[in-house]
mmCIF file of all heavy atoms, coordinates in Angstrom:
data_MODEL
# 
_entry.id   MODEL 
# 
loop_
_atom_site.group_PDB 
_atom_site.id 
_atom_site.type_symbol 
_atom_site.label_atom_id 
_atom_site.label_alt_id 
_atom_site.label_comp_id 
_atom_site.label_asym_id 
_atom_site.label_entity_id 
_atom_site.label_seq_id 
_atom_site.pdbx_PDB_ins_code 
_atom_site.Cartn_x 
_atom_site.Cartn_y 
_atom_site.Cartn_z 
_atom_site.occupancy 
_atom_site.B_iso_or_equiv 
_atom_site.pdbx_formal_charge 
_atom_site.auth_seq_id 
_atom_site.auth_comp_id 
_atom_site.auth_asym_id 
_atom_site.auth_atom_id 
_atom_site.pdbx_PDB_model_num 
ATOM 1   N N   . GLN A 1 1  ? -107.620 -34.139 59.886  1.00 0.00 ? 1  GLN A N   1 
ATOM 2   C CA  . GLN A 1 1  ? -107.807 -35.195 60.884  1.00 0.00 ? 1  GLN A CA  1 
ATOM 3   C C   . GLN A 1 1  ? -109.064 -34.946 61.698  1.00 0.00 ? 1  GLN A C   1 
ATOM 4   O O   . GLN A 1 1  ? -109.364 -33.814 62.071  1.00 0.00 ? 1  GLN A O   1 
ATOM 5   C CB  . GLN A 1 1  ? -106.577 -35.258 61.799  1.00 0.00 ? 1  GLN A CB  1 
ATOM 6   C CG  . GLN A 1 1  ? -106.579 -36.415 62.783  1.00 0.00 ? 1  GLN A CG  1 
ATOM 7   C CD  . GLN A 1 1  ? -105.248 -36.529 63.519  1.00 0.00 ? 1  GLN A CD  1 
ATOM 8   O OE1 . GLN A 1 1  ? -104.242 -35.960 63.106  1.00 0.00 ? 1  GLN A OE1 1 
ATOM 9   N NE2 . GLN A 1 1  ? -105.256 -37.273 64.623  1.00 0.00 ? 1  GLN A NE2 1 
ATOM 10  N N   . GLN A 1 2  ? -109.797 -36.014 61.987  1.00 0.00 ? 2  GLN A N   1 
ATOM 11  C CA  . GLN A 1 2  ? -111.025 -35.911 62.766  1.00 0.00 ? 2  GLN A CA  1 
ATOM 12  C C   . GLN A 1 2  ? -110.697 -35.942 64.255  1.00 0.00 ? 2  GLN A C   1 
ATOM 13  O O   . GLN A 1 2  ? -109.888 -36.756 64.713  1.00 0.00 ? 2  GLN A O   1 
ATOM 14  C CB  . GLN A 1 2  ? -111.955 -37.081 62.427  1.00 0.00 ? 2  GLN A CB  1 
ATOM 15  C CG  . GLN A 1 2  ? -113.310 -37.032 63.095  1.00 0.00 ? 2  GLN A CG  1 
ATOM 16  C CD  . GLN A 1 2  ? -114.265 -36.066 62.435  1.00 0.00 ? 2  GLN A CD  1 
ATOM 17  O OE1 . GLN A 1 2  ? -114.213 -35.870 61.233  1.00 0.00 ? 2  GLN A OE1 1 
ATOM 18  N NE2 . GLN A 1 2  ? -115.136 -35.458 63.227  1.00 0.00 ? 2  GLN A NE2 1 
ATOM 19  N N   . VAL A 1 3  ? -111.310 -35.045 65.022  1.00 0.00 ? 3  VAL A N   1 
ATOM 20  C CA  . VAL A 1 3  ? -111.130 -35.023 66.474  1.00 0.00 ? 3  VAL A CA  1 
ATOM 21  C C   . VAL A 1 3  ? -112.498 -34.970 67.126  1.00 0.00 ? 3  VAL A C   1 
ATOM 22  O O   . VAL A 1 3  ? -113.495 -34.588 66.497  1.00 0.00 ? 3  VAL A O   1 
ATOM 23  C CB  . VAL A 1 3  ? -110.280 -33.818 66.925  1.00 0.00 ? 3  VAL A CB  1 
ATOM 24  C CG1 . VAL A 1 3  ? -108.895 -33.855 66.297  1.00 0.00 ? 3  VAL A CG1 1 
ATOM 25  C CG2 . VAL A 1 3  ? -110.976 -32.505 66.588  1.00 0.00 ? 3  VAL A CG2 1 
ATOM 26  N N   . ARG A 1 4  ? -112.560 -35.341 68.381  1.00 0.00 ? 4  ARG A N   1 
ATOM 27  C CA  . ARG A 1 4  ? -113.805 -35.295 69.134  1.00 0.00 ? 4  ARG A CA  1 
ATOM 28  C C   . ARG A 1 4  ? -113.669 -34.281 70.274  1.00 0.00 ? 4  ARG A C   1 
ATOM 29  O O   . ARG A 1 4  ? -112.566 -33.975 70.720  1.00 0.00 ? 4  ARG A O   1 
ATOM 30  C CB  . ARG A 1 4  ? -114.157 -36.677 69.687  1.00 0.00 ? 4  ARG A CB  1 
ATOM 31  C CG  . ARG A 1 4  ? -113.174 -37.210 70.697  1.00 0.00 ? 4  ARG A CG  1 
ATOM 32  C CD  . ARG A 1 4  ? -113.519 -38.614 71.160  1.00 0.00 ? 4  ARG A CD  1 
ATOM 33  N NE  . ARG A 1 4  ? -112.604 -39.078 72.207  1.00 0.00 ? 4  ARG A NE  1 
ATOM 34  C CZ  . ARG A 1 4  ? -111.407 -39.582 71.980  1.00 0.00 ? 4  ARG A CZ  1 
ATOM 35  N NH1 . ARG A 1 4  ? -110.963 -39.697 70.725  1.00 0.00 ? 4  ARG A NH1 1 
ATOM 36  N NH2 . ARG A 1 4  ? -110.642 -39.968 72.983  1.00 0.00 ? 4  ARG A NH2 1 
ATOM 37  N N   . ALA A 1 5  ? -114.767 -33.794 70.764  1.00 0.00 ? 5  ALA A N   1 
ATOM 38  C CA  . ALA A 1 5  ? -114.755 -32.813 71.848  1.00 0.00 ? 5  ALA A CA  1 
ATOM 39  C C   . ALA A 1 5  ? -114.081 -33.402 73.079  1.00 0.00 ? 5  ALA A C   1 
ATOM 40  O O   . ALA A 1 5  ? -114.353 -34.534 73.477  1.00 0.00 ? 5  ALA A O   1 
ATOM 41  C CB  . ALA A 1 5  ? -116.188 -32.390 72.180  1.00 0.00 ? 5  ALA A CB  1 
ATOM 42  N N   . GLY A 1 6  ? -113.158 -32.643 73.676  1.00 0.00 ? 6  GLY A N   1 
ATOM 43  C CA  . GLY A 1 6  ? -112.440 -33.082 74.863  1.00 0.00 ? 6  GLY A CA  1 
ATOM 44  C C   . GLY A 1 6  ? -111.195 -33.896 74.580  1.00 0.00 ? 6  GLY A C   1 
ATOM 45  O O   . GLY A 1 6  ? -110.450 -34.222 75.508  1.00 0.00 ? 6  GLY A O   1 
ATOM 46  N N   . GLN A 1 7  ? -110.925 -34.195 73.311  1.00 0.00 ? 7  GLN A N   1 
ATOM 47  C CA  . GLN A 1 7  ? -109.735 -34.981 72.972  1.00 0.00 ? 7  GLN A CA  1 
ATOM 48  C C   . GLN A 1 7  ? -108.473 -34.159 73.205  1.00 0.00 ? 7  GLN A C   1 
ATOM 49  O O   . GLN A 1 7  ? -108.428 -32.948 72.951  1.00 0.00 ? 7  GLN A O   1 
ATOM 50  C CB  . GLN A 1 7  ? -109.809 -35.424 71.508  1.00 0.00 ? 7  GLN A CB  1 
ATOM 51  C CG  . GLN A 1 7  ? -108.607 -36.235 71.031  1.00 0.00 ? 7  GLN A CG  1 
ATOM 52  C CD  . GLN A 1 7  ? -108.763 -36.691 69.594  1.00 0.00 ? 7  GLN A CD  1 
ATOM 53  O OE1 . GLN A 1 7  ? -109.867 -36.769 69.067  1.00 0.00 ? 7  GLN A OE1 1 
ATOM 54  N NE2 . GLN A 1 7  ? -107.645 -36.976 68.941  1.00 0.00 ? 7  GLN A NE2 1 
ATOM 55  N N   . ALA A 1 8  ? -107.403 -34.805 73.698  1.00 0.00 ? 8  ALA A N   1 
ATOM 56  C CA  . ALA A 1 8  ? -106.130 -34.117 73.920  1.00 0.00 ? 8  ALA A CA  1 
ATOM 57  C C   . ALA A 1 8  ? -105.497 -33.749 72.594  1.00 0.00 ? 8  ALA A C   1 
ATOM 58  O O   . ALA A 1 8  ? -105.318 -34.601 71.719  1.00 0.00 ? 8  ALA A O   1 
ATOM 59  C CB  . ALA A 1 8  ? -105.199 -35.005 74.736  1.00 0.00 ? 8  ALA A CB  1 
ATOM 60  N N   . LEU A 1 9  ? -105.149 -32.480 72.438  1.00 0.00 ? 9  LEU A N   1 
ATOM 61  C CA  . LEU A 1 9  ? -104.538 -31.995 71.202  1.00 0.00 ? 9  LEU A CA  1 
ATOM 62  C C   . LEU A 1 9  ? -103.035 -31.782 71.341  1.00 0.00 ? 9  LEU A C   1 
ATOM 63  O O   . LEU A 1 9  ? -102.294 -31.927 70.367  1.00 0.00 ? 9  LEU A O   1 
ATOM 64  C CB  . LEU A 1 9  ? -105.197 -30.677 70.781  1.00 0.00 ? 9  LEU A CB  1 
ATOM 65  C CG  . LEU A 1 9  ? -106.710 -30.708 70.565  1.00 0.00 ? 9  LEU A CG  1 
ATOM 66  C CD1 . LEU A 1 9  ? -107.210 -29.330 70.193  1.00 0.00 ? 9  LEU A CD1 1 
ATOM 67  C CD2 . LEU A 1 9  ? -107.083 -31.725 69.500  1.00 0.00 ? 9  LEU A CD2 1 
ATOM 68  N N   . GLY A 1 10 ? -102.588 -31.403 72.526  1.00 0.00 ? 10 GLY A N   1 
ATOM 69  C CA  . GLY A 1 10 ? -101.165 -31.141 72.726  1.00 0.00 ? 10 GLY A CA  1 
ATOM 70  C C   . GLY A 1 10 ? -100.862 -30.888 74.189  1.00 0.00 ? 10 GLY A C   1 
ATOM 71  O O   . GLY A 1 10 ? -101.756 -30.859 75.047  1.00 0.00 ? 10 GLY A O   1 
ATOM 72  N N   . GLY A 1 11 ? -99.569  -30.714 74.482  1.00 0.00 ? 11 GLY A N   1 
ATOM 73  C CA  . GLY A 1 11 ? -99.133  -30.422 75.838  1.00 0.00 ? 11 GLY A CA  1 
ATOM 74  C C   . GLY A 1 11 ? -98.226  -29.208 75.864  1.00 0.00 ? 11 GLY A C   1 
ATOM 75  O O   . GLY A 1 11 ? -97.303  -29.088 75.039  1.00 0.00 ? 11 GLY A O   1 
ATOM 76  N N   . VAL A 1 12 ? -98.477  -28.275 76.789  1.00 0.00 ? 12 VAL A N   1 
ATOM 77  C CA  . VAL A 1 12 ? -97.723  -27.022 76.874  1.00 0.00 ? 12 VAL A CA  1 
ATOM 78  C C   . VAL A 1 12 ? -97.000  -26.948 78.215  1.00 0.00 ? 12 VAL A C   1 
ATOM 79  O O   . VAL A 1 12 ? -97.576  -27.253 79.268  1.00 0.00 ? 12 VAL A O   1 
ATOM 80  C CB  . VAL A 1 12 ? -98.675  -25.815 76.721  1.00 0.00 ? 12 VAL A CB  1 
ATOM 81  C CG1 . VAL A 1 12 ? -97.939  -24.505 76.969  1.00 0.00 ? 12 VAL A CG1 1 
ATOM 82  C CG2 . VAL A 1 12 ? -99.309  -25.810 75.338  1.00 0.00 ? 12 VAL A CG2 1 
ATOM 83  N N   . PHE A 1 13 ? -95.713  -26.541 78.138  1.00 0.00 ? 13 PHE A N   1 
ATOM 84  C CA  . PHE A 1 13 ? -94.987  -26.221 79.377  1.00 0.00 ? 13 PHE A CA  1 
ATOM 85  C C   . PHE A 1 13 ? -94.968  -24.718 79.537  1.00 0.00 ? 13 PHE A C   1 
ATOM 86  O O   . PHE A 1 13 ? -94.575  -23.976 78.625  1.00 0.00 ? 13 PHE A O   1 
ATOM 87  C CB  . PHE A 1 13 ? -93.555  -26.745 79.342  1.00 0.00 ? 13 PHE A CB  1 
ATOM 88  C CG  . PHE A 1 13 ? -92.734  -26.231 80.487  1.00 0.00 ? 13 PHE A CG  1 
ATOM 89  C CD1 . PHE A 1 13 ? -92.901  -26.747 81.763  1.00 0.00 ? 13 PHE A CD1 1 
ATOM 90  C CD2 . PHE A 1 13 ? -91.826  -25.187 80.309  1.00 0.00 ? 13 PHE A CD2 1 
ATOM 91  C CE1 . PHE A 1 13 ? -92.173  -26.266 82.831  1.00 0.00 ? 13 PHE A CE1 1 
ATOM 92  C CE2 . PHE A 1 13 ? -91.090  -24.697 81.371  1.00 0.00 ? 13 PHE A CE2 1 
ATOM 93  C CZ  . PHE A 1 13 ? -91.262  -25.237 82.639  1.00 0.00 ? 13 PHE A CZ  1 
ATOM 94  N N   . SER A 1 14 ? -95.395  -24.258 80.721  1.00 0.00 ? 14 SER A N   1 
ATOM 95  C CA  . SER A 1 14 ? -95.404  -22.838 81.025  1.00 0.00 ? 14 SER A CA  1 
ATOM 96  C C   . SER A 1 14 ? -94.841  -22.637 82.420  1.00 0.00 ? 14 SER A C   1 
ATOM 97  O O   . SER A 1 14 ? -95.316  -23.253 83.383  1.00 0.00 ? 14 SER A O   1 
ATOM 98  C CB  . SER A 1 14 ? -96.838  -22.279 80.948  1.00 0.00 ? 14 SER A CB  1 
ATOM 99  O OG  . SER A 1 14 ? -96.897  -20.975 81.499  1.00 0.00 ? 14 SER A OG  1 
ATOM 100 N N   . GLN A 1 15 ? -93.838  -21.773 82.536  1.00 0.00 ? 15 GLN A N   1 
ATOM 101 C CA  . GLN A 1 15 ? -93.245  -21.491 83.841  1.00 0.00 ? 15 GLN A CA  1 
ATOM 102 C C   . GLN A 1 15 ? -94.266  -20.849 84.765  1.00 0.00 ? 15 GLN A C   1 
ATOM 103 O O   . GLN A 1 15 ? -94.329  -21.156 85.961  1.00 0.00 ? 15 GLN A O   1 
ATOM 104 C CB  . GLN A 1 15 ? -92.039  -20.561 83.670  1.00 0.00 ? 15 GLN A CB  1 
ATOM 105 C CG  . GLN A 1 15 ? -91.301  -20.262 84.960  1.00 0.00 ? 15 GLN A CG  1 
ATOM 106 C CD  . GLN A 1 15 ? -90.714  -21.525 85.588  1.00 0.00 ? 15 GLN A CD  1 
ATOM 107 O OE1 . GLN A 1 15 ? -90.011  -22.287 84.912  1.00 0.00 ? 15 GLN A OE1 1 
ATOM 108 N NE2 . GLN A 1 15 ? -90.992  -21.755 86.870  1.00 0.00 ? 15 GLN A NE2 1 
ATOM 109 N N   . GLU A 1 16 ? -95.109  -19.974 84.214  1.00 0.00 ? 16 GLU A N   1 
ATOM 110 C CA  . GLU A 1 16 ? -96.139  -19.309 85.021  1.00 0.00 ? 16 GLU A CA  1 
ATOM 111 C C   . GLU A 1 16 ? -97.126  -20.328 85.578  1.00 0.00 ? 16 GLU A C   1 
ATOM 112 O O   . GLU A 1 16 ? -97.480  -20.296 86.765  1.00 0.00 ? 16 GLU A O   1 
ATOM 113 C CB  . GLU A 1 16 ? -96.871  -18.278 84.167  1.00 0.00 ? 16 GLU A CB  1 
ATOM 114 C CG  . GLU A 1 16 ? -97.990  -17.539 84.902  1.00 0.00 ? 16 GLU A CG  1 
ATOM 115 C CD  . GLU A 1 16 ? -98.757  -16.598 84.003  1.00 0.00 ? 16 GLU A CD  1 
ATOM 116 O OE1 . GLU A 1 16 ? -98.496  -16.590 82.767  1.00 0.00 ? 16 GLU A OE1 1 
ATOM 117 O OE2 . GLU A 1 16 ? -99.639  -15.890 84.526  1.00 0.00 ? 16 GLU A OE2 1 
ATOM 118 N N   . LEU A 1 17 ? -97.555  -21.254 84.747  1.00 0.00 ? 17 LEU A N   1 
ATOM 119 C CA  . LEU A 1 17 ? -98.515  -22.250 85.185  1.00 0.00 ? 17 LEU A CA  1 
ATOM 120 C C   . LEU A 1 17 ? -97.877  -23.251 86.149  1.00 0.00 ? 17 LEU A C   1 
ATOM 121 O O   . LEU A 1 17 ? -98.511  -23.713 87.091  1.00 0.00 ? 17 LEU A O   1 
ATOM 122 C CB  . LEU A 1 17 ? -99.095  -22.976 83.960  1.00 0.00 ? 17 LEU A CB  1 
ATOM 123 C CG  . LEU A 1 17 ? -100.323 -23.859 84.179  1.00 0.00 ? 17 LEU A CG  1 
ATOM 124 C CD1 . LEU A 1 17 ? -101.411 -23.106 84.933  1.00 0.00 ? 17 LEU A CD1 1 
ATOM 125 C CD2 . LEU A 1 17 ? -100.848 -24.365 82.845  1.00 0.00 ? 17 LEU A CD2 1 
ATOM 126 N N   . TYR A 1 18 ? -96.610  -23.537 85.932  1.00 0.00 ? 18 TYR A N   1 
ATOM 127 C CA  . TYR A 1 18 ? -95.898  -24.453 86.828  1.00 0.00 ? 18 TYR A CA  1 
ATOM 128 C C   . TYR A 1 18 ? -95.817  -23.859 88.238  1.00 0.00 ? 18 TYR A C   1 
ATOM 129 O O   . TYR A 1 18 ? -96.064  -24.542 89.241  1.00 0.00 ? 18 TYR A O   1 
ATOM 130 C CB  . TYR A 1 18 ? -94.510  -24.717 86.261  1.00 0.00 ? 18 TYR A CB  1 
ATOM 131 C CG  . TYR A 1 18 ? -93.782  -25.854 86.914  1.00 0.00 ? 18 TYR A CG  1 
ATOM 132 C CD1 . TYR A 1 18 ? -93.965  -27.170 86.502  1.00 0.00 ? 18 TYR A CD1 1 
ATOM 133 C CD2 . TYR A 1 18 ? -92.878  -25.606 87.954  1.00 0.00 ? 18 TYR A CD2 1 
ATOM 134 C CE1 . TYR A 1 18 ? -93.295  -28.217 87.107  1.00 0.00 ? 18 TYR A CE1 1 
ATOM 135 C CE2 . TYR A 1 18 ? -92.200  -26.643 88.568  1.00 0.00 ? 18 TYR A CE2 1 
ATOM 136 C CZ  . TYR A 1 18 ? -92.410  -27.948 88.145  1.00 0.00 ? 18 TYR A CZ  1 
ATOM 137 O OH  . TYR A 1 18 ? -91.748  -28.992 88.748  1.00 0.00 ? 18 TYR A OH  1 
ATOM 138 N N   . SER A 1 19 ? -95.481  -22.564 88.318  1.00 0.00 ? 19 SER A N   1 
ATOM 139 C CA  . SER A 1 19 ? -95.390  -21.892 89.618  1.00 0.00 ? 19 SER A CA  1 
ATOM 140 C C   . SER A 1 19 ? -96.758  -21.792 90.279  1.00 0.00 ? 19 SER A C   1 
ATOM 141 O O   . SER A 1 19 ? -96.890  -21.971 91.510  1.00 0.00 ? 19 SER A O   1 
ATOM 142 C CB  . SER A 1 19 ? -94.793  -20.495 89.447  1.00 0.00 ? 19 SER A CB  1 
ATOM 143 O OG  . SER A 1 19 ? -93.510  -20.566 88.875  1.00 0.00 ? 19 SER A OG  1 
ATOM 144 N N   . SER A 1 20 ? -97.794  -21.552 89.502  1.00 0.00 ? 20 SER A N   1 
ATOM 145 C CA  . SER A 1 20 ? -99.144  -21.443 90.055  1.00 0.00 ? 20 SER A CA  1 
ATOM 146 C C   . SER A 1 20 ? -99.604  -22.769 90.633  1.00 0.00 ? 20 SER A C   1 
ATOM 147 O O   . SER A 1 20 ? -100.305 -22.809 91.661  1.00 0.00 ? 20 SER A O   1 
ATOM 148 C CB  . SER A 1 20 ? -100.118 -20.966 88.972  1.00 0.00 ? 20 SER A CB  1 
ATOM 149 O OG  . SER A 1 20 ? -99.777  -19.670 88.515  1.00 0.00 ? 20 SER A OG  1 
ATOM 150 N N   . GLN A 1 21 ? -99.224  -23.883 90.002  1.00 0.00 ? 21 GLN A N   1 
ATOM 151 C CA  . GLN A 1 21 ? -99.556  -25.199 90.553  1.00 0.00 ? 21 GLN A CA  1 
ATOM 152 C C   . GLN A 1 21 ? -98.866  -25.434 91.910  1.00 0.00 ? 21 GLN A C   1 
ATOM 153 O O   . GLN A 1 21 ? -99.471  -25.988 92.834  1.00 0.00 ? 21 GLN A O   1 
ATOM 154 C CB  . GLN A 1 21 ? -99.137  -26.294 89.570  1.00 0.00 ? 21 GLN A CB  1 
ATOM 155 C CG  . GLN A 1 21 ? -99.949  -26.344 88.270  1.00 0.00 ? 21 GLN A CG  1 
ATOM 156 C CD  . GLN A 1 21 ? -99.490  -27.481 87.376  1.00 0.00 ? 21 GLN A CD  1 
ATOM 157 O OE1 . GLN A 1 21 ? -99.767  -28.650 87.646  1.00 0.00 ? 21 GLN A OE1 1 
ATOM 158 N NE2 . GLN A 1 21 ? -98.774  -27.129 86.320  1.00 0.00 ? 21 GLN A NE2 1 
ATOM 159 N N   . SER A 1 22 ? -97.599  -25.006 91.987  1.00 0.00 ? 22 SER A N   1 
ATOM 160 C CA  . SER A 1 22 ? -96.865  -25.182 93.252  1.00 0.00 ? 22 SER A CA  1 
ATOM 161 C C   . SER A 1 22 ? -97.518  -24.385 94.373  1.00 0.00 ? 22 SER A C   1 
ATOM 162 O O   . SER A 1 22 ? -97.659  -24.879 95.511  1.00 0.00 ? 22 SER A O   1 
ATOM 163 C CB  . SER A 1 22 ? -95.410  -24.734 93.065  1.00 0.00 ? 22 SER A CB  1 
ATOM 164 O OG  . SER A 1 22 ? -94.769  -25.524 92.077  1.00 0.00 ? 22 SER A OG  1 
ATOM 165 N N   . GLU A 1 23 ? -97.943  -23.159 94.066  1.00 0.00 ? 23 GLU A N   1 
ATOM 166 C CA  . GLU A 1 23 ? -98.616  -22.336 95.061  1.00 0.00 ? 23 GLU A CA  1 
ATOM 167 C C   . GLU A 1 23 ? -99.930  -22.986 95.502  1.00 0.00 ? 23 GLU A C   1 
ATOM 168 O O   . GLU A 1 23 ? -100.261 -23.004 96.698  1.00 0.00 ? 23 GLU A O   1 
ATOM 169 C CB  . GLU A 1 23 ? -98.891  -20.946 94.490  1.00 0.00 ? 23 GLU A CB  1 
ATOM 170 C CG  . GLU A 1 23 ? -97.627  -20.134 94.231  1.00 0.00 ? 23 GLU A CG  1 
ATOM 171 C CD  . GLU A 1 23 ? -97.935  -18.811 93.532  1.00 0.00 ? 23 GLU A CD  1 
ATOM 172 O OE1 . GLU A 1 23 ? -99.148  -18.523 93.350  1.00 0.00 ? 23 GLU A OE1 1 
ATOM 173 O OE2 . GLU A 1 23 ? -96.984  -18.094 93.173  1.00 0.00 ? 23 GLU A OE2 1 
ATOM 174 N N   . TYR A 1 24 ? -100.680 -23.519 94.564  1.00 0.00 ? 24 TYR A N   1 
ATOM 175 C CA  . TYR A 1 24 ? -101.951 -24.152 94.903  1.00 0.00 ? 24 TYR A CA  1 
ATOM 176 C C   . TYR A 1 24 ? -101.722 -25.394 95.763  1.00 0.00 ? 24 TYR A C   1 
ATOM 177 O O   . TYR A 1 24 ? -102.451 -25.625 96.750  1.00 0.00 ? 24 TYR A O   1 
ATOM 178 C CB  . TYR A 1 24 ? -102.713 -24.538 93.633  1.00 0.00 ? 24 TYR A CB  1 
ATOM 179 C CG  . TYR A 1 24 ? -103.962 -25.335 93.921  1.00 0.00 ? 24 TYR A CG  1 
ATOM 180 C CD1 . TYR A 1 24 ? -105.103 -24.708 94.406  1.00 0.00 ? 24 TYR A CD1 1 
ATOM 181 C CD2 . TYR A 1 24 ? -103.980 -26.719 93.760  1.00 0.00 ? 24 TYR A CD2 1 
ATOM 182 C CE1 . TYR A 1 24 ? -106.244 -25.433 94.710  1.00 0.00 ? 24 TYR A CE1 1 
ATOM 183 C CE2 . TYR A 1 24 ? -105.121 -27.458 94.059  1.00 0.00 ? 24 TYR A CE2 1 
ATOM 184 C CZ  . TYR A 1 24 ? -106.258 -26.804 94.532  1.00 0.00 ? 24 TYR A CZ  1 
ATOM 185 O OH  . TYR A 1 24 ? -107.373 -27.540 94.836  1.00 0.00 ? 24 TYR A OH  1 
ATOM 186 N N   . LEU A 1 25 ? -100.713 -26.184 95.420  1.00 0.00 ? 25 LEU A N   1 
ATOM 187 C CA  . LEU A 1 25 ? -100.451 -27.412 96.165  1.00 0.00 ? 25 LEU A CA  1 
ATOM 188 C C   . LEU A 1 25 ? -100.064 -27.088 97.611  1.00 0.00 ? 25 LEU A C   1 
ATOM 189 O O   . LEU A 1 25 ? -100.488 -27.776 98.557  1.00 0.00 ? 25 LEU A O   1 
ATOM 190 C CB  . LEU A 1 25 ? -99.344  -28.200 95.467  1.00 0.00 ? 25 LEU A CB  1 
ATOM 191 C CG  . LEU A 1 25 ? -99.285  -29.705 95.729  1.00 0.00 ? 25 LEU A CG  1 
ATOM 192 C CD1 . LEU A 1 25 ? -100.633 -30.365 95.440  1.00 0.00 ? 25 LEU A CD1 1 
ATOM 193 C CD2 . LEU A 1 25 ? -98.196  -30.337 94.884  1.00 0.00 ? 25 LEU A CD2 1 
ATOM 194 N N   . SER A 1 26 ? -99.296  -26.014 97.810  1.00 0.00 ? 26 SER A N   1 
ATOM 195 C CA  . SER A 1 26 ? -98.925  -25.606 99.173  1.00 0.00 ? 26 SER A CA  1 
ATOM 196 C C   . SER A 1 26 ? -100.143 -25.148 99.964  1.00 0.00 ? 26 SER A C   1 
ATOM 197 O O   . SER A 1 26 ? -100.326 -25.528 101.137 1.00 0.00 ? 26 SER A O   1 
ATOM 198 C CB  . SER A 1 26 ? -97.889  -24.475 99.114  1.00 0.00 ? 26 SER A CB  1 
ATOM 199 O OG  . SER A 1 26 ? -96.703  -24.917 98.479  1.00 0.00 ? 26 SER A OG  1 
ATOM 200 N N   . ALA A 1 27 ? -101.020 -24.355 99.331  1.00 0.00 ? 27 ALA A N   1 
ATOM 201 C CA  . ALA A 1 27 ? -102.231 -23.893 100.001 1.00 0.00 ? 27 ALA A CA  1 
ATOM 202 C C   . ALA A 1 27 ? -103.167 -25.055 100.300 1.00 0.00 ? 27 ALA A C   1 
ATOM 203 O O   . ALA A 1 27 ? -103.839 -25.083 101.355 1.00 0.00 ? 27 ALA A O   1 
ATOM 204 C CB  . ALA A 1 27 ? -102.943 -22.851 99.132  1.00 0.00 ? 27 ALA A CB  1 
# 
């Protein structure tokens, strides 16, 4: 399949990244 630079390839759920977003939003 042909893709272009910056195209969305997939979505990942990560507990570590989820918690880091919450910390950033509070700050």
